[in-house]
Amino acid sequence: MESNLHKLKVYKSSINKGKMKEINPKKYYNVEQISDRWEVSARTIIRLIQDRKIGSLKIGRQYRILGESILEYETRNASKSKY
């Protein structure tokens, strides 16, 4: 079983390698970008949007998420992180 310290090191190294990019609060991101950032499925992101846990715009059949909404969600859920 991996220790939390090991998981934290892996998490930090993935940030340093550019895997997780800085979020611009004024920019819009698509579902795929956020699912890559959080390493979850696109369906999970859509579910969060539909449950109104993340603010978004729907343009046609696609969702756009403002960077500010992403950062707010991450801040609210930071204490729930397994890292």
C-alpha atoms as a PDB file:
ATOM      1  CA  MET A   1       0.000   0.000   0.000  1.00  0.00           C
ATOM      2  CA  GLU A   2       1.373   3.406  -0.983  1.00  0.00           C
ATOM      3  CA  SER A   3       2.018   5.898   1.774  1.00  0.00           C
ATOM      4  CA  ASN A   4       0.477   9.355   1.661  1.00  0.00           C
ATOM      5  CA  LEU A   5       3.973  10.839   1.492  1.00  0.00           C
ATOM      6  CA  HIS A   6       4.690   8.866  -1.692  1.00  0.00           C
ATOM      7  CA  LYS A   7       1.388   9.990  -3.229  1.00  0.00           C
ATOM      8  CA  LEU A   8       2.210  13.617  -2.384  1.00  0.00           C
ATOM      9  CA  LYS A   9       5.613  13.313  -4.045  1.00  0.00           C
ATOM     10  CA  VAL A  10       4.038  11.840  -7.195  1.00  0.00           C
ATOM     11  CA  TYR A  11       1.415  14.600  -7.184  1.00  0.00           C
ATOM     12  CA  LYS A  12       4.051  17.333  -6.835  1.00  0.00           C
ATOM     13  CA  SER A  13       6.258  15.811  -9.524  1.00  0.00           C
ATOM     14  CA  SER A  14       3.332  15.718 -11.964  1.00  0.00           C
ATOM     15  CA  ILE A  15       2.793  19.439 -11.364  1.00  0.00           C
ATOM     16  CA  ASN A  16       6.478  20.178 -11.915  1.00  0.00           C
ATOM     17  CA  LYS A  17       6.523  18.226 -15.205  1.00  0.00           C
ATOM     18  CA  GLY A  18       3.763  20.430 -16.594  1.00  0.00           C
ATOM     19  CA  LYS A  19       1.109  17.726 -16.413  1.00  0.00           C
ATOM     20  CA  MET A  20      -1.140  20.099 -14.481  1.00  0.00           C
ATOM     21  CA  LYS A  21      -1.132  23.602 -15.913  1.00  0.00           C
ATOM     22  CA  GLU A  22      -1.909  26.849 -14.145  1.00  0.00           C
ATOM     23  CA  ILE A  23      -5.568  27.794 -14.375  1.00  0.00           C
ATOM     24  CA  ASN A  24      -6.388  31.299 -15.574  1.00  0.00           C
ATOM     25  CA  PRO A  25      -9.505  32.495 -13.666  1.00  0.00           C
ATOM     26  CA  LYS A  26     -10.652  34.547 -16.684  1.00  0.00           C
ATOM     27  CA  LYS A  27     -10.292  31.784 -19.294  1.00  0.00           C
ATOM     28  CA  TYR A  28     -12.862  29.143 -20.266  1.00  0.00           C
ATOM     29  CA  TYR A  29     -11.926  25.450 -20.340  1.00  0.00           C
ATOM     30  CA  ASN A  30     -13.707  22.495 -21.905  1.00  0.00           C
ATOM     31  CA  VAL A  31     -14.722  19.272 -20.162  1.00  0.00           C
ATOM     32  CA  GLU A  32     -11.798  17.311 -21.602  1.00  0.00           C
ATOM     33  CA  GLN A  33      -9.237  19.780 -20.251  1.00  0.00           C
ATOM     34  CA  ILE A  34     -10.671  19.572 -16.746  1.00  0.00           C
ATOM     35  CA  SER A  35     -11.003  15.787 -16.858  1.00  0.00           C
ATOM     36  CA  ASP A  36      -7.311  15.582 -17.815  1.00  0.00           C
ATOM     37  CA  ARG A  37      -6.360  17.955 -14.989  1.00  0.00           C
ATOM     38  CA  TRP A  38      -8.264  15.976 -12.354  1.00  0.00           C
ATOM     39  CA  GLU A  39      -7.611  12.582 -13.945  1.00  0.00           C
ATOM     40  CA  VAL A  40     -11.290  11.652 -14.011  1.00  0.00           C
ATOM     41  CA  SER A  41     -13.663  10.827 -16.852  1.00  0.00           C
ATOM     42  CA  ALA A  42     -15.421  13.506 -18.873  1.00  0.00           C
ATOM     43  CA  ARG A  43     -18.687  12.008 -17.614  1.00  0.00           C
ATOM     44  CA  THR A  44     -17.665  12.830 -14.021  1.00  0.00           C
ATOM     45  CA  ILE A  45     -17.121  16.478 -14.973  1.00  0.00           C
ATOM     46  CA  ILE A  46     -20.484  16.604 -16.731  1.00  0.00           C
ATOM     47  CA  ARG A  47     -22.145  15.099 -13.656  1.00  0.00           C
ATOM     48  CA  LEU A  48     -20.570  17.793 -11.453  1.00  0.00           C
ATOM     49  CA  ILE A  49     -21.879  20.443 -13.856  1.00  0.00           C
ATOM     50  CA  GLN A  50     -25.385  18.951 -13.913  1.00  0.00           C
ATOM     51  CA  ASP A  51     -25.385  18.718 -10.097  1.00  0.00           C
ATOM     52  CA  ARG A  52     -24.447  22.426 -10.062  1.00  0.00           C
ATOM     53  CA  LYS A  53     -21.242  21.799  -8.157  1.00  0.00           C
ATOM     54  CA  ILE A  54     -19.282  23.573 -10.907  1.00  0.00           C
ATOM     55  CA  GLY A  55     -20.558  26.615 -12.766  1.00  0.00           C
ATOM     56  CA  SER A  56     -20.506  26.428 -16.555  1.00  0.00           C
ATOM     57  CA  LEU A  57     -21.921  27.658 -19.833  1.00  0.00           C
ATOM     58  CA  LYS A  58     -23.509  25.378 -22.365  1.00  0.00           C
ATOM     59  CA  ILE A  59     -22.778  26.321 -25.950  1.00  0.00           C
ATOM     60  CA  GLY A  60     -24.635  24.032 -28.291  1.00  0.00           C
ATOM     61  CA  ARG A  61     -23.909  20.563 -26.959  1.00  0.00           C
ATOM     62  CA  GLN A  62     -20.648  21.487 -25.257  1.00  0.00           C
ATOM     63  CA  TYR A  63     -19.908  22.860 -21.790  1.00  0.00           C
ATOM     64  CA  ARG A  64     -17.393  25.603 -21.023  1.00  0.00           C
ATOM     65  CA  ILE A  65     -16.145  26.086 -17.475  1.00  0.00           C
ATOM     66  CA  LEU A  66     -14.693  29.385 -16.296  1.00  0.00           C
ATOM     67  CA  GLY A  67     -11.289  29.035 -14.635  1.00  0.00           C
ATOM     68  CA  GLU A  68     -12.628  30.836 -11.574  1.00  0.00           C
ATOM     69  CA  SER A  69     -15.242  28.079 -11.105  1.00  0.00           C
ATOM     70  CA  ILE A  70     -12.539  25.413 -11.358  1.00  0.00           C
ATOM     71  CA  LEU A  71     -10.370  27.122  -8.747  1.00  0.00           C
ATOM     72  CA  GLU A  72     -13.345  27.617  -6.399  1.00  0.00           C
ATOM     73  CA  TYR A  73     -14.265  23.936  -6.662  1.00  0.00           C
ATOM     74  CA  GLU A  74     -10.683  22.846  -6.022  1.00  0.00           C
ATOM     75  CA  THR A  75     -10.458  25.153  -2.989  1.00  0.00           C
ATOM     76  CA  ARG A  76     -13.751  23.890  -1.530  1.00  0.00           C
ATOM     77  CA  ASN A  77     -12.687  20.282  -1.983  1.00  0.00           C
ATOM     78  CA  ALA A  78      -8.993  20.559  -1.106  1.00  0.00           C
ATOM     79  CA  SER A  79      -9.522  19.191   2.402  1.00  0.00           C
ATOM     80  CA  LYS A  80     -11.262  16.131   0.930  1.00  0.00           C
ATOM     81  CA  SER A  81      -8.228  15.266  -1.195  1.00  0.00           C
ATOM     82  CA  LYS A  82      -6.649  11.855  -0.704  1.00  0.00           C
ATOM     83  CA  TYR A  83      -3.186  13.424  -1.091  1.00  0.00           C
END
